[in-house]
Protein backbone atom coordinates (compact mmCIF):
# COMPACT_ATOMS: atom_id res chain seq x y z
CA MET A 1 252.80 138.53 90.03
CA ASN A 2 251.91 139.89 87.45
CA ILE A 3 248.01 138.28 86.96
CA LYS A 4 246.89 139.17 90.67
CA LEU A 5 248.22 142.37 89.95
CA THR A 6 246.63 143.00 86.60
CA PHE A 7 243.60 141.65 88.53
CA LEU A 8 243.77 143.87 91.40
CA LEU A 9 243.71 146.49 88.67
CA LEU A 10 240.99 145.47 86.77
CA LEU A 11 238.86 144.75 89.94
CA SER A 12 239.33 148.17 91.21
CA VAL A 13 238.49 149.92 87.91
CA ILE A 14 235.07 148.13 87.80
CA THR A 15 234.87 149.10 91.54
CA ILE A 16 235.42 152.83 90.41
CA MET A 17 233.02 152.96 87.54
CA SER A 18 230.22 151.40 89.13
CA CYS A 19 230.03 153.85 91.83
CA GLU A 20 229.62 156.48 89.39
CA ASP A 21 225.79 156.81 89.44
CA GLN A 22 226.03 160.57 89.22
CA PRO A 23 229.27 163.48 89.28
CA VAL A 24 231.03 164.57 91.97
CA GLY A 25 229.38 167.04 94.19
CA LYS A 26 225.64 166.89 92.46
CA TRP A 27 222.99 166.04 94.34
CA ASP A 28 219.31 164.90 94.00
CA ASP A 29 216.65 166.92 94.88
CA ASN A 30 216.44 166.73 98.37
CA ILE A 31 214.16 170.11 99.11
CA LYS A 32 211.57 169.35 96.67
CA LEU A 33 209.50 172.36 96.41
CA SER A 34 205.44 171.94 95.61
CA ASN A 35 206.07 174.78 93.30
CA ASP A 36 209.20 176.79 91.77
CA GLU A 37 207.29 179.70 89.65
CA LEU A 38 205.15 182.07 90.88
CA THR A 39 202.99 184.25 88.87
CA PHE A 40 200.78 187.38 91.07
CA SER A 41 199.14 190.24 89.43
CA ALA A 42 199.97 193.94 90.22
CA GLY A 43 198.37 194.18 93.43
CA ALA A 44 199.59 193.07 96.93
CA GLY A 45 199.53 189.31 97.16
CA SER A 46 200.62 185.92 99.29
CA GLU A 47 201.04 182.45 98.03
CA THR A 48 202.25 179.25 99.95
CA ILE A 49 204.85 176.65 98.60
CA THR A 50 205.62 173.51 100.38
CA THR A 51 208.88 171.17 100.45
CA GLU A 52 209.32 167.70 101.36
CA GLY A 53 213.12 168.54 102.62
CA GLU A 54 213.20 169.60 105.63
CA LEU A 55 216.56 170.44 105.60
CA TRP A 56 217.52 173.41 103.81
CA TRP A 57 218.17 177.25 104.06
CA LEU A 58 217.51 180.54 102.75
CA ILE A 59 220.99 181.87 101.00
CA SER A 60 219.49 184.70 98.69
CA ILE A 61 216.52 186.63 97.65
CA ARG A 62 217.41 188.61 94.15
CA THR A 63 215.11 191.83 92.65
CA ASP A 64 215.16 193.87 90.53
CA VAL A 65 217.02 196.22 92.62
CA ASP A 66 219.58 193.67 94.34
CA ASP A 67 220.74 190.74 95.64
CA TYR A 68 220.77 189.87 99.18
CA GLU A 69 222.42 187.38 100.56
CA ASN A 70 223.32 188.70 103.90
CA PHE A 71 220.80 188.26 106.64
CA GLU A 72 222.59 189.09 109.62
CA GLY A 73 220.84 188.44 113.04
CA THR A 74 218.18 185.45 111.10
CA ASP A 75 219.36 181.91 111.48
CA THR A 76 217.58 180.99 107.68
CA THR A 77 218.29 177.04 108.94
CA ASP A 78 215.64 178.01 112.31
CA ASP A 79 212.66 175.83 111.74
CA SER A 80 210.37 178.90 111.36
CA PHE A 81 211.94 182.68 110.69
CA GLU A 82 210.40 185.72 108.85
CA ILE A 83 212.75 188.06 106.09
CA SER A 84 211.82 191.62 104.25
CA ARG A 85 213.48 192.95 101.25
CA ASP A 86 212.63 195.78 99.29
CA ASP A 87 208.61 194.69 98.06
CA ILE A 88 209.10 191.31 99.20
CA THR A 89 208.56 188.78 102.22
CA PHE A 90 209.25 185.31 102.67
CA GLU A 91 208.61 183.59 105.75
CA ARG A 92 209.41 179.54 106.96
CA ILE A 93 206.68 178.40 108.69
CA GLU A 94 207.59 174.87 110.37
CA LYS A 95 210.26 173.65 108.98
CA ALA A 96 208.29 172.73 105.00
CA THR A 97 206.09 175.39 104.71
CA ILE A 98 206.94 178.70 102.39
CA LYS A 99 204.50 182.00 102.47
CA ILE A 100 205.95 184.92 99.87
CA ASP A 101 204.02 188.16 100.31
CA LEU A 102 204.96 190.79 97.51
CA ALA A 103 203.77 194.80 98.01
CA GLU A 104 201.63 196.21 95.14
CA ASN A 105 203.52 196.50 92.17
CA SER A 106 203.40 200.42 91.34
CA THR A 107 206.00 200.32 88.89
CA GLY A 108 204.65 200.28 85.83
CA ALA A 109 207.11 197.29 84.99
CA GLU A 110 206.87 193.70 85.30
CA ARG A 111 208.84 192.68 88.07
CA THR A 112 210.98 189.40 89.03
CA PHE A 113 212.26 187.98 92.32
CA VAL A 114 214.45 185.10 93.11
CA ILE A 115 214.51 183.16 96.13
CA GLY A 116 217.81 181.00 96.76
CA LEU A 117 217.55 177.53 98.72
CA GLN A 118 220.27 175.33 99.22
CA ALA A 119 220.34 172.02 101.11
CA GLY A 120 223.71 170.10 101.33
CA ASN A 121 225.18 170.29 97.90
CA TYR A 122 221.46 171.20 96.23
CA PHE A 123 220.39 174.32 94.98
CA ASP A 124 217.24 175.50 94.22
CA SER A 125 215.36 178.41 93.28
CA ILE A 126 211.78 179.80 93.45
CA VAL A 127 211.66 182.48 90.37
CA ILE A 128 208.66 184.99 91.16
CA THR A 129 207.29 187.23 89.01
CA GLN A 130 204.56 190.09 89.55
CA GLU A 131 203.14 191.56 86.49
CA ALA A 132 202.99 195.12 85.65
CA ASP A 133 200.04 197.83 87.22
């Protein structure tokens, strides 16, 4: 009886250890941004990013002025939507395209924006820098 119990215990430990390819809750990149860092001149501008994944959603827009996480009235899991905050506009076009528009930077200082995205338990961000005027 002890041999069977020892064998089952050993088999269970080996099975559990072989399943630990990555930590629990840590997902691989399932958004796959074409670019996660953008630099804009001080003038108004627009850039487009694509994603390989399509099941992601917008979770935040952080500016030098404020953090936005409540997009009431907009379903950020929709295939297409547009959200404007401060001097940035985030647009999702047909699931896998992101268009980012920035207004002219007349603050006299460099600005930073961070767009937060999520897909399941995977989190990613787009860091945007706009040069000073």
